[in-house]
Every structure is written in structure tokens, then in C-alpha cells.
């Protein structure tokens, strides 16, 4: 009986590591959040909100585990992503 060749499983998802936000230097975390909320195409609803309001909103989402910081092993970059 011939054995079938094993199929190679290809994972197209990026490999990442969750990074606890409270372990990140506060200034670094603030810079990450600021980059996120000022990114082209970012939709933050009320256009009248200040930068500080938007940063506070993301910090609250981090604390409530609605978003998380992920370090992408492939690109060696960190990003804030939804937990959904």
C-alpha cells in the first residue's frame, strides 16, 4: 500500500505575539497610539475630537481588552489591533 504524500499546510496569517500594553514604556505606547489615531484613513467618528481624546479612547480600549498590542514577527513591527 502506497502512502499518500503529506500535504503541506500553508499559513497565510501573520505570526504575532501579544504584548501586554502595561509592559510597554508609557512614552512608546503613547507614540504608538498617536501614530494609530493620526494614520491616513483612520475613522474616529467625531472629527471634532482632540488628539488627546482619541489617545484616551484607545487607552480605555486597551484597559477594557477591546484592542491589544501585537508584535508581528514577520515584519518586526508592533500594531494595535481589535480583539474581536
PDB file of N, CA and C in Angstrom:
ATOM      1  N   UNK A   1       0.843  -1.175   0.000  1.00  0.00           N
ATOM      2  CA  UNK A   1       0.000   0.000   0.000  1.00  0.00           C
ATOM      3  C   UNK A   1       0.890   1.240   0.000  1.00  0.00           C
ATOM      4  N   UNK A   2       0.641   2.102  -0.964  1.00  0.00           N
ATOM      5  CA  UNK A   2       1.418   3.340  -1.060  1.00  0.00           C
ATOM      6  C   UNK A   2       0.869   4.379  -0.107  1.00  0.00           C
ATOM      7  N   UNK A   3       1.778   5.080   0.524  1.00  0.00           N
ATOM      8  CA  UNK A   3       1.312   6.153   1.391  1.00  0.00           C
ATOM      9  C   UNK A   3       1.186   7.437   0.572  1.00  0.00           C
ATOM     10  N   UNK A   4       0.205   8.221   0.933  1.00  0.00           N
ATOM     11  CA  UNK A   4      -0.010   9.496   0.252  1.00  0.00           C
ATOM     12  C   UNK A   4       1.054  10.488   0.707  1.00  0.00           C
ATOM     13  N   UNK A   5       1.525  11.321  -0.215  1.00  0.00           N
ATOM     14  CA  UNK A   5       2.441  12.371   0.237  1.00  0.00           C
ATOM     15  C   UNK A   5       1.680  13.319   1.161  1.00  0.00           C
ATOM     16  N   UNK A   6       2.351  13.747   2.203  1.00  0.00           N
ATOM     17  CA  UNK A   6       1.688  14.641   3.143  1.00  0.00           C
ATOM     18  C   UNK A   6       1.492  16.003   2.495  1.00  0.00           C
ATOM     19  N   UNK A   7       0.306  16.544   2.694  1.00  0.00           N
ATOM     20  CA  UNK A   7       0.022  17.872   2.165  1.00  0.00           C
ATOM     21  C   UNK A   7       0.716  18.904   3.028  1.00  0.00           C
ATOM     22  N   UNK A   8       1.274  19.863   2.360  1.00  0.00           N
ATOM     23  CA  UNK A   8       1.927  20.952   3.068  1.00  0.00           C
ATOM     24  C   UNK A   8       0.872  21.984   3.447  1.00  0.00           C
ATOM     25  N   UNK A   9       0.826  22.327   4.694  1.00  0.00           N
ATOM     26  CA  UNK A   9      -0.125  23.333   5.152  1.00  0.00           C
ATOM     27  C   UNK A   9       0.558  24.689   5.097  1.00  0.00           C
ATOM     28  N   UNK A  10      -0.081  25.597   4.378  1.00  0.00           N
ATOM     29  CA  UNK A  10       0.474  26.937   4.238  1.00  0.00           C
ATOM     30  C   UNK A  10      -0.369  27.880   5.084  1.00  0.00           C
ATOM     31  N   UNK A  11       0.282  28.567   5.976  1.00  0.00           N
ATOM     32  CA  UNK A  11      -0.393  29.529   6.844  1.00  0.00           C
ATOM     33  C   UNK A  11      -0.147  30.922   6.294  1.00  0.00           C
ATOM     34  N   UNK A  12      -1.215  31.529   5.789  1.00  0.00           N
ATOM     35  CA  UNK A  12      -1.086  32.864   5.206  1.00  0.00           C
ATOM     36  C   UNK A  12      -1.267  33.972   6.246  1.00  0.00           C
ATOM     37  N   UNK A  13      -1.553  33.601   7.477  1.00  0.00           N
ATOM     38  CA  UNK A  13      -1.721  34.606   8.528  1.00  0.00           C
ATOM     39  C   UNK A  13      -0.356  35.016   9.064  1.00  0.00           C
ATOM     40  N   UNK A  14      -0.285  36.273   9.456  1.00  0.00           N
ATOM     41  CA  UNK A  14       0.961  36.750  10.035  1.00  0.00           C
ATOM     42  C   UNK A  14       1.115  36.152  11.429  1.00  0.00           C
ATOM     43  N   UNK A  15       2.341  35.880  11.793  1.00  0.00           N
ATOM     44  CA  UNK A  15       2.624  35.359  13.128  1.00  0.00           C
ATOM     45  C   UNK A  15       2.885  36.546  14.043  1.00  0.00           C
ATOM     46  N   UNK A  16       2.216  36.569  15.166  1.00  0.00           N
ATOM     47  CA  UNK A  16       2.392  37.677  16.071  1.00  0.00           C
ATOM     48  C   UNK A  16       2.386  37.239  17.512  1.00  0.00           C
ATOM     49  N   UNK A  17       2.899  38.121  18.338  1.00  0.00           N
ATOM     50  CA  UNK A  17       2.972  37.875  19.771  1.00  0.00           C
ATOM     51  C   UNK A  17       2.248  39.017  20.473  1.00  0.00           C
ATOM     52  N   UNK A  18       1.291  38.659  21.334  1.00  0.00           N
ATOM     53  CA  UNK A  18       0.612  39.688  22.114  1.00  0.00           C
ATOM     54  C   UNK A  18       1.591  40.289  23.117  1.00  0.00           C
ATOM     55  N   UNK A  19       1.555  41.611  23.218  1.00  0.00           N
ATOM     56  CA  UNK A  19       2.431  42.320  24.149  1.00  0.00           C
ATOM     57  C   UNK A  19       1.544  43.064  25.154  1.00  0.00           C
ATOM     58  N   UNK A  20       1.656  42.758  26.437  1.00  0.00           N
ATOM     59  CA  UNK A  20       0.847  43.485  27.424  1.00  0.00           C
ATOM     60  C   UNK A  20       1.163  44.986  27.360  1.00  0.00           C
ATOM     61  N   UNK A  21       0.124  45.783  27.133  1.00  0.00           N
ATOM     62  CA  UNK A  21       0.337  47.224  26.956  1.00  0.00           C
ATOM     63  C   UNK A  21       0.974  47.857  28.181  1.00  0.00           C
ATOM     64  N   UNK A  22       0.690  47.305  29.362  1.00  0.00           N
ATOM     65  CA  UNK A  22       1.231  47.900  30.584  1.00  0.00           C
ATOM     66  C   UNK A  22       2.710  47.562  30.804  1.00  0.00           C
ATOM     67  N   UNK A  23       3.271  46.739  29.928  1.00  0.00           N
ATOM     68  CA  UNK A  23       4.706  46.425  29.984  1.00  0.00           C
ATOM     69  C   UNK A  23       5.505  47.286  28.991  1.00  0.00           C
ATOM     70  N   UNK A  24       4.795  48.107  28.214  1.00  0.00           N
ATOM     71  CA  UNK A  24       5.441  48.974  27.224  1.00  0.00           C
ATOM     72  C   UNK A  24       5.730  50.317  27.878  1.00  0.00           C
ATOM     73  N   UNK A  25       6.902  50.871  27.604  1.00  0.00           N
ATOM     74  CA  UNK A  25       7.251  52.198  28.105  1.00  0.00           C
ATOM     75  C   UNK A  25       6.099  53.151  27.763  1.00  0.00           C
ATOM     76  N   UNK A  26       5.589  53.920  28.745  1.00  0.00           N
ATOM     77  CA  UNK A  26       4.438  54.796  28.503  1.00  0.00           C
ATOM     78  C   UNK A  26       4.624  55.761  27.323  1.00  0.00           C
ATOM     79  N   UNK A  27       5.817  56.288  27.157  1.00  0.00           N
ATOM     80  CA  UNK A  27       6.065  57.205  26.044  1.00  0.00           C
ATOM     81  C   UNK A  27       5.992  56.458  24.699  1.00  0.00           C
ATOM     82  N   UNK A  28       6.527  55.263  24.674  1.00  0.00           N
ATOM     83  CA  UNK A  28       6.467  54.436  23.461  1.00  0.00           C
ATOM     84  C   UNK A  28       5.026  54.081  23.132  1.00  0.00           C
ATOM     85  N   UNK A  29       4.260  53.691  24.143  1.00  0.00           N
ATOM     86  CA  UNK A  29       2.858  53.349  23.941  1.00  0.00           C
ATOM     87  C   UNK A  29       2.088  54.556  23.417  1.00  0.00           C
ATOM     88  N   UNK A  30       2.335  55.706  24.000  1.00  0.00           N
ATOM     89  CA  UNK A  30       1.657  56.929  23.548  1.00  0.00           C
ATOM     90  C   UNK A  30       2.000  57.214  22.088  1.00  0.00           C
ATOM     91  N   UNK A  31       3.266  57.048  21.715  1.00  0.00           N
ATOM     92  CA  UNK A  31       3.665  57.270  20.323  1.00  0.00           C
ATOM     93  C   UNK A  31       2.976  56.287  19.379  1.00  0.00           C
ATOM     94  N   UNK A  32       2.842  55.028  19.809  1.00  0.00           N
ATOM     95  CA  UNK A  32       2.142  54.027  19.001  1.00  0.00           C
ATOM     96  C   UNK A  32       0.684  54.425  18.798  1.00  0.00           C
ATOM     97  N   UNK A  33       0.042  54.829  19.881  1.00  0.00           N
ATOM     98  CA  UNK A  33      -1.366  55.216  19.801  1.00  0.00           C
ATOM     99  C   UNK A  33      -1.520  56.457  18.938  1.00  0.00           C
ATOM    100  N   UNK A  34      -0.630  57.429  19.115  1.00  0.00           N
ATOM    101  CA  UNK A  34      -0.705  58.656  18.324  1.00  0.00           C
ATOM    102  C   UNK A  34      -0.561  58.341  16.835  1.00  0.00           C
ATOM    103  N   UNK A  35       0.358  57.443  16.503  1.00  0.00           N
ATOM    104  CA  UNK A  35       0.532  57.056  15.096  1.00  0.00           C
ATOM    105  C   UNK A  35      -0.743  56.402  14.578  1.00  0.00           C
ATOM    106  N   UNK A  36      -1.379  55.576  15.402  1.00  0.00           N
ATOM    107  CA  UNK A  36      -2.610  54.900  15.004  1.00  0.00           C
ATOM    108  C   UNK A  36      -3.733  55.896  14.729  1.00  0.00           C
ATOM    109  N   UNK A  37      -3.953  56.817  15.640  1.00  0.00           N
ATOM    110  CA  UNK A  37      -5.103  57.720  15.503  1.00  0.00           C
ATOM    111  C   UNK A  37      -4.885  58.816  14.468  1.00  0.00           C
ATOM    112  N   UNK A  38      -3.638  59.038  14.063  1.00  0.00           N
ATOM    113  CA  UNK A  38      -3.383  60.053  13.038  1.00  0.00           C
ATOM    114  C   UNK A  38      -3.129  59.426  11.673  1.00  0.00           C
ATOM    115  N   UNK A  39      -3.207  58.114  11.594  1.00  0.00           N
ATOM    116  CA  UNK A  39      -2.971  57.378  10.350  1.00  0.00           C
ATOM    117  C   UNK A  39      -3.990  57.805   9.292  1.00  0.00           C
ATOM    118  N   UNK A  40      -3.537  57.953   8.057  1.00  0.00           N
ATOM    119  CA  UNK A  40      -4.434  58.277   6.951  1.00  0.00           C
ATOM    120  C   UNK A  40      -5.537  57.246   6.872  1.00  0.00           C
ATOM    121  N   UNK A  41      -6.764  57.711   6.705  1.00  0.00           N
ATOM    122  CA  UNK A  41      -7.890  56.807   6.564  1.00  0.00           C
ATOM    123  C   UNK A  41      -8.473  56.337   7.880  1.00  0.00           C
ATOM    124  N   UNK A  42      -7.901  56.764   8.995  1.00  0.00           N
ATOM    125  CA  UNK A  42      -8.444  56.355  10.292  1.00  0.00           C
ATOM    126  C   UNK A  42      -9.802  57.021  10.487  1.00  0.00           C
ATOM    127  N   UNK A  43     -10.799  56.249  10.853  1.00  0.00           N
ATOM    128  CA  UNK A  43     -12.147  56.772  11.055  1.00  0.00           C
ATOM    129  C   UNK A  43     -12.442  56.761  12.550  1.00  0.00           C
ATOM    130  N   UNK A  44     -12.472  57.934  13.128  1.00  0.00           N
ATOM    131  CA  UNK A  44     -12.706  58.045  14.565  1.00  0.00           C
ATOM    132  C   UNK A  44     -14.028  58.724  14.877  1.00  0.00           C
ATOM    133  N   UNK A  45     -14.982  58.604  13.932  1.00  0.00           N
ATOM    134  CA  UNK A  45     -16.309  59.148  14.192  1.00  0.00           C
ATOM    135  C   UNK A  45     -16.296  60.659  14.246  1.00  0.00           C
ATOM    136  N   UNK A  46     -16.382  61.218  15.425  1.00  0.00           N
ATOM    137  CA  UNK A  46     -16.456  62.663  15.621  1.00  0.00           C
ATOM    138  C   UNK A  46     -15.151  63.324  15.203  1.00  0.00           C
ATOM    139  N   UNK A  47     -15.177  64.065  14.073  1.00  0.00           N
ATOM    140  CA  UNK A  47     -13.946  64.699  13.616  1.00  0.00           C
ATOM    141  C   UNK A  47     -13.486  65.828  14.536  1.00  0.00           C
ATOM    142  N   UNK A  48     -14.361  66.264  15.454  1.00  0.00           N
ATOM    143  CA  UNK A  48     -14.021  67.362  16.347  1.00  0.00           C
ATOM    144  C   UNK A  48     -13.223  66.931  17.568  1.00  0.00           C
ATOM    145  N   UNK A  49     -13.051  65.632  17.764  1.00  0.00           N
ATOM    146  CA  UNK A  49     -12.318  65.149  18.934  1.00  0.00           C
ATOM    147  C   UNK A  49     -10.849  65.536  18.849  1.00  0.00           C
ATOM    148  N   UNK A  50     -10.281  65.876  19.983  1.00  0.00           N
ATOM    149  CA  UNK A  50      -8.872  66.260  20.003  1.00  0.00           C
ATOM    150  C   UNK A  50      -7.989  65.017  19.950  1.00  0.00           C
ATOM    151  N   UNK A  51      -6.729  65.232  19.660  1.00  0.00           N
ATOM    152  CA  UNK A  51      -5.762  64.135  19.657  1.00  0.00           C
ATOM    153  C   UNK A  51      -5.735  63.474  21.029  1.00  0.00           C
ATOM    154  N   UNK A  52      -5.764  64.262  22.082  1.00  0.00           N
ATOM    155  CA  UNK A  52      -5.747  63.715  23.446  1.00  0.00           C
ATOM    156  C   UNK A  52      -6.981  62.861  23.709  1.00  0.00           C
ATOM    157  N   UNK A  53      -8.152  63.284  23.196  1.00  0.00           N
ATOM    158  CA  UNK A  53      -9.377  62.497  23.360  1.00  0.00           C
ATOM    159  C   UNK A  53      -9.234  61.135  22.677  1.00  0.00           C
ATOM    160  N   UNK A  54      -8.668  61.145  21.484  1.00  0.00           N
ATOM    161  CA  UNK A  54      -8.509  59.911  20.717  1.00  0.00           C
ATOM    162  C   UNK A  54      -7.508  58.968  21.393  1.00  0.00           C
ATOM    163  N   UNK A  55      -6.427  59.522  21.915  1.00  0.00           N
ATOM    164  CA  UNK A  55      -5.439  58.708  22.640  1.00  0.00           C
ATOM    165  C   UNK A  55      -6.078  58.105  23.885  1.00  0.00           C
ATOM    166  N   UNK A  56      -6.856  58.903  24.609  1.00  0.00           N
ATOM    167  CA  UNK A  56      -7.543  58.416  25.808  1.00  0.00           C
ATOM    168  C   UNK A  56      -8.530  57.302  25.450  1.00  0.00           C
ATOM    169  N   UNK A  57      -9.192  57.438  24.304  1.00  0.00           N
ATOM    170  CA  UNK A  57     -10.145  56.421  23.861  1.00  0.00           C
ATOM    171  C   UNK A  57      -9.430  55.084  23.619  1.00  0.00           C
ATOM    172  N   UNK A  58      -8.274  55.119  22.968  1.00  0.00           N
ATOM    173  CA  UNK A  58      -7.529  53.884  22.700  1.00  0.00           C
ATOM    174  C   UNK A  58      -6.993  53.295  24.007  1.00  0.00           C
ATOM    175  N   UNK A  59      -6.496  54.125  24.900  1.00  0.00           N
ATOM    176  CA  UNK A  59      -6.033  53.629  26.206  1.00  0.00           C
ATOM    177  C   UNK A  59      -7.161  52.921  26.949  1.00  0.00           C
ATOM    178  N   UNK A  60      -8.350  53.490  26.889  1.00  0.00           N
ATOM    179  CA  UNK A  60      -9.508  52.874  27.535  1.00  0.00           C
ATOM    180  C   UNK A  60      -9.814  51.525  26.876  1.00  0.00           C
ATOM    181  N   UNK A  61      -9.715  51.463  25.548  1.00  0.00           N
ATOM    182  CA  UNK A  61      -9.962  50.206  24.838  1.00  0.00           C
ATOM    183  C   UNK A  61      -8.913  49.154  25.210  1.00  0.00           C
ATOM    184  N   UNK A  62      -7.665  49.576  25.402  1.00  0.00           N
ATOM    185  CA  UNK A  62      -6.617  48.645  25.843  1.00  0.00           C
ATOM    186  C   UNK A  62      -6.948  48.099  27.224  1.00  0.00           C
ATOM    187  N   UNK A  63      -7.335  48.988  28.134  1.00  0.00           N
ATOM    188  CA  UNK A  63      -7.655  48.575  29.500  1.00  0.00           C
ATOM    189  C   UNK A  63      -8.858  47.644  29.532  1.00  0.00           C
ATOM    190  N   UNK A  64      -9.826  47.870  28.635  1.00  0.00           N
ATOM    191  CA  UNK A  64     -11.043  47.053  28.588  1.00  0.00           C
ATOM    192  C   UNK A  64     -10.885  45.809  27.708  1.00  0.00           C
ATOM    193  N   UNK A  65      -9.668  45.600  27.213  1.00  0.00           N
ATOM    194  CA  UNK A  65      -9.347  44.434  26.369  1.00  0.00           C
ATOM    195  C   UNK A  65     -10.177  44.377  25.078  1.00  0.00           C
ATOM    196  N   UNK A  66     -10.519  45.560  24.551  1.00  0.00           N
ATOM    197  CA  UNK A  66     -11.205  45.643  23.259  1.00  0.00           C
ATOM    198  C   UNK A  66     -10.182  45.642  22.127  1.00  0.00           C
ATOM    199  N   UNK A  67      -8.997  46.155  22.416  1.00  0.00           N
ATOM    200  CA  UNK A  67      -7.880  46.150  21.478  1.00  0.00           C
ATOM    201  C   UNK A  67      -6.652  45.643  22.222  1.00  0.00           C
ATOM    202  N   UNK A  68      -5.634  45.248  21.457  1.00  0.00           N
ATOM    203  CA  UNK A  68      -4.406  44.759  22.077  1.00  0.00           C
ATOM    204  C   UNK A  68      -3.215  45.147  21.209  1.00  0.00           C
ATOM    205  N   UNK A  69      -2.035  45.076  21.792  1.00  0.00           N
ATOM    206  CA  UNK A  69      -0.797  45.344  21.063  1.00  0.00           C
ATOM    207  C   UNK A  69      -0.237  43.995  20.619  1.00  0.00           C
ATOM    208  N   UNK A  70       0.080  43.917  19.328  1.00  0.00           N
ATOM    209  CA  UNK A  70       0.637  42.696  18.766  1.00  0.00           C
ATOM    210  C   UNK A  70       1.938  43.032  18.049  1.00  0.00           C
ATOM    211  N   UNK A  71       2.973  42.239  18.347  1.00  0.00           N
ATOM    212  CA  UNK A  71       4.253  42.384  17.649  1.00  0.00           C
ATOM    213  C   UNK A  71       4.283  41.344  16.543  1.00  0.00           C
ATOM    214  N   UNK A  72       4.397  41.797  15.299  1.00  0.00           N
ATOM    215  CA  UNK A  72       4.422  40.906  14.134  1.00  0.00           C
ATOM    216  C   UNK A  72       5.850  40.413  13.926  1.00  0.00           C
ATOM    217  N   UNK A  73       6.036  39.103  14.053  1.00  0.00           N
ATOM    218  CA  UNK A  73       7.365  38.512  13.934  1.00  0.00           C
ATOM    219  C   UNK A  73       7.921  38.608  12.517  1.00  0.00           C
ATOM    220  N   UNK A  74       7.041  38.632  11.536  1.00  0.00           N
ATOM    221  CA  UNK A  74       7.474  38.666  10.142  1.00  0.00           C
ATOM    222  C   UNK A  74       8.029  40.046   9.769  1.00  0.00           C
ATOM    223  N   UNK A  75       7.257  41.092  10.083  1.00  0.00           N
ATOM    224  CA  UNK A  75       7.680  42.450   9.708  1.00  0.00           C
ATOM    225  C   UNK A  75       8.465  43.144  10.820  1.00  0.00           C
ATOM    226  N   UNK A  76       8.490  42.520  12.000  1.00  0.00           N
ATOM    227  CA  UNK A  76       9.159  43.089  13.164  1.00  0.00           C
ATOM    228  C   UNK A  76       8.624  44.475  13.505  1.00  0.00           C
ATOM    229  N   UNK A  77       7.281  44.592  13.470  1.00  0.00           N
ATOM    230  CA  UNK A  77       6.618  45.826  13.830  1.00  0.00           C
ATOM    231  C   UNK A  77       5.522  45.521  14.835  1.00  0.00           C
ATOM    232  N   UNK A  78       5.130  46.526  15.580  1.00  0.00           N
ATOM    233  CA  UNK A  78       4.044  46.373  16.530  1.00  0.00           C
ATOM    234  C   UNK A  78       2.863  47.191  16.046  1.00  0.00           C
ATOM    235  N   UNK A  79       1.662  46.709  16.376  1.00  0.00           N
ATOM    236  CA  UNK A  79       0.466  47.419  15.989  1.00  0.00           C
ATOM    237  C   UNK A  79      -0.604  47.181  17.048  1.00  0.00           C
ATOM    238  N   UNK A  80      -1.600  48.031  17.042  1.00  0.00           N
ATOM    239  CA  UNK A  80      -2.741  47.903  17.939  1.00  0.00           C
ATOM    240  C   UNK A  80      -3.886  47.359  17.084  1.00  0.00           C
ATOM    241  N   UNK A  81      -4.424  46.220  17.514  1.00  0.00           N
ATOM    242  CA  UNK A  81      -5.465  45.564  16.727  1.00  0.00           C
ATOM    243  C   UNK A  81      -6.669  45.236  17.592  1.00  0.00           C
ATOM    244  N   UNK A  82      -7.799  45.058  16.943  1.00  0.00           N
ATOM    245  CA  UNK A  82      -9.036  44.708  17.615  1.00  0.00           C
ATOM    246  C   UNK A  82      -8.935  43.294  18.180  1.00  0.00           C
ATOM    247  N   UNK A  83      -9.567  43.070  19.316  1.00  0.00           N
ATOM    248  CA  UNK A  83      -9.587  41.742  19.936  1.00  0.00           C
ATOM    249  C   UNK A  83     -10.749  40.904  19.415  1.00  0.00           C
ATOM    250  N   UNK A  84     -11.588  41.470  18.584  1.00  0.00           N
ATOM    251  CA  UNK A  84     -12.765  40.729  18.091  1.00  0.00           C
ATOM    252  C   UNK A  84     -12.405  39.637  17.161  1.00  0.00           C
TER     253      UNK A  84
END
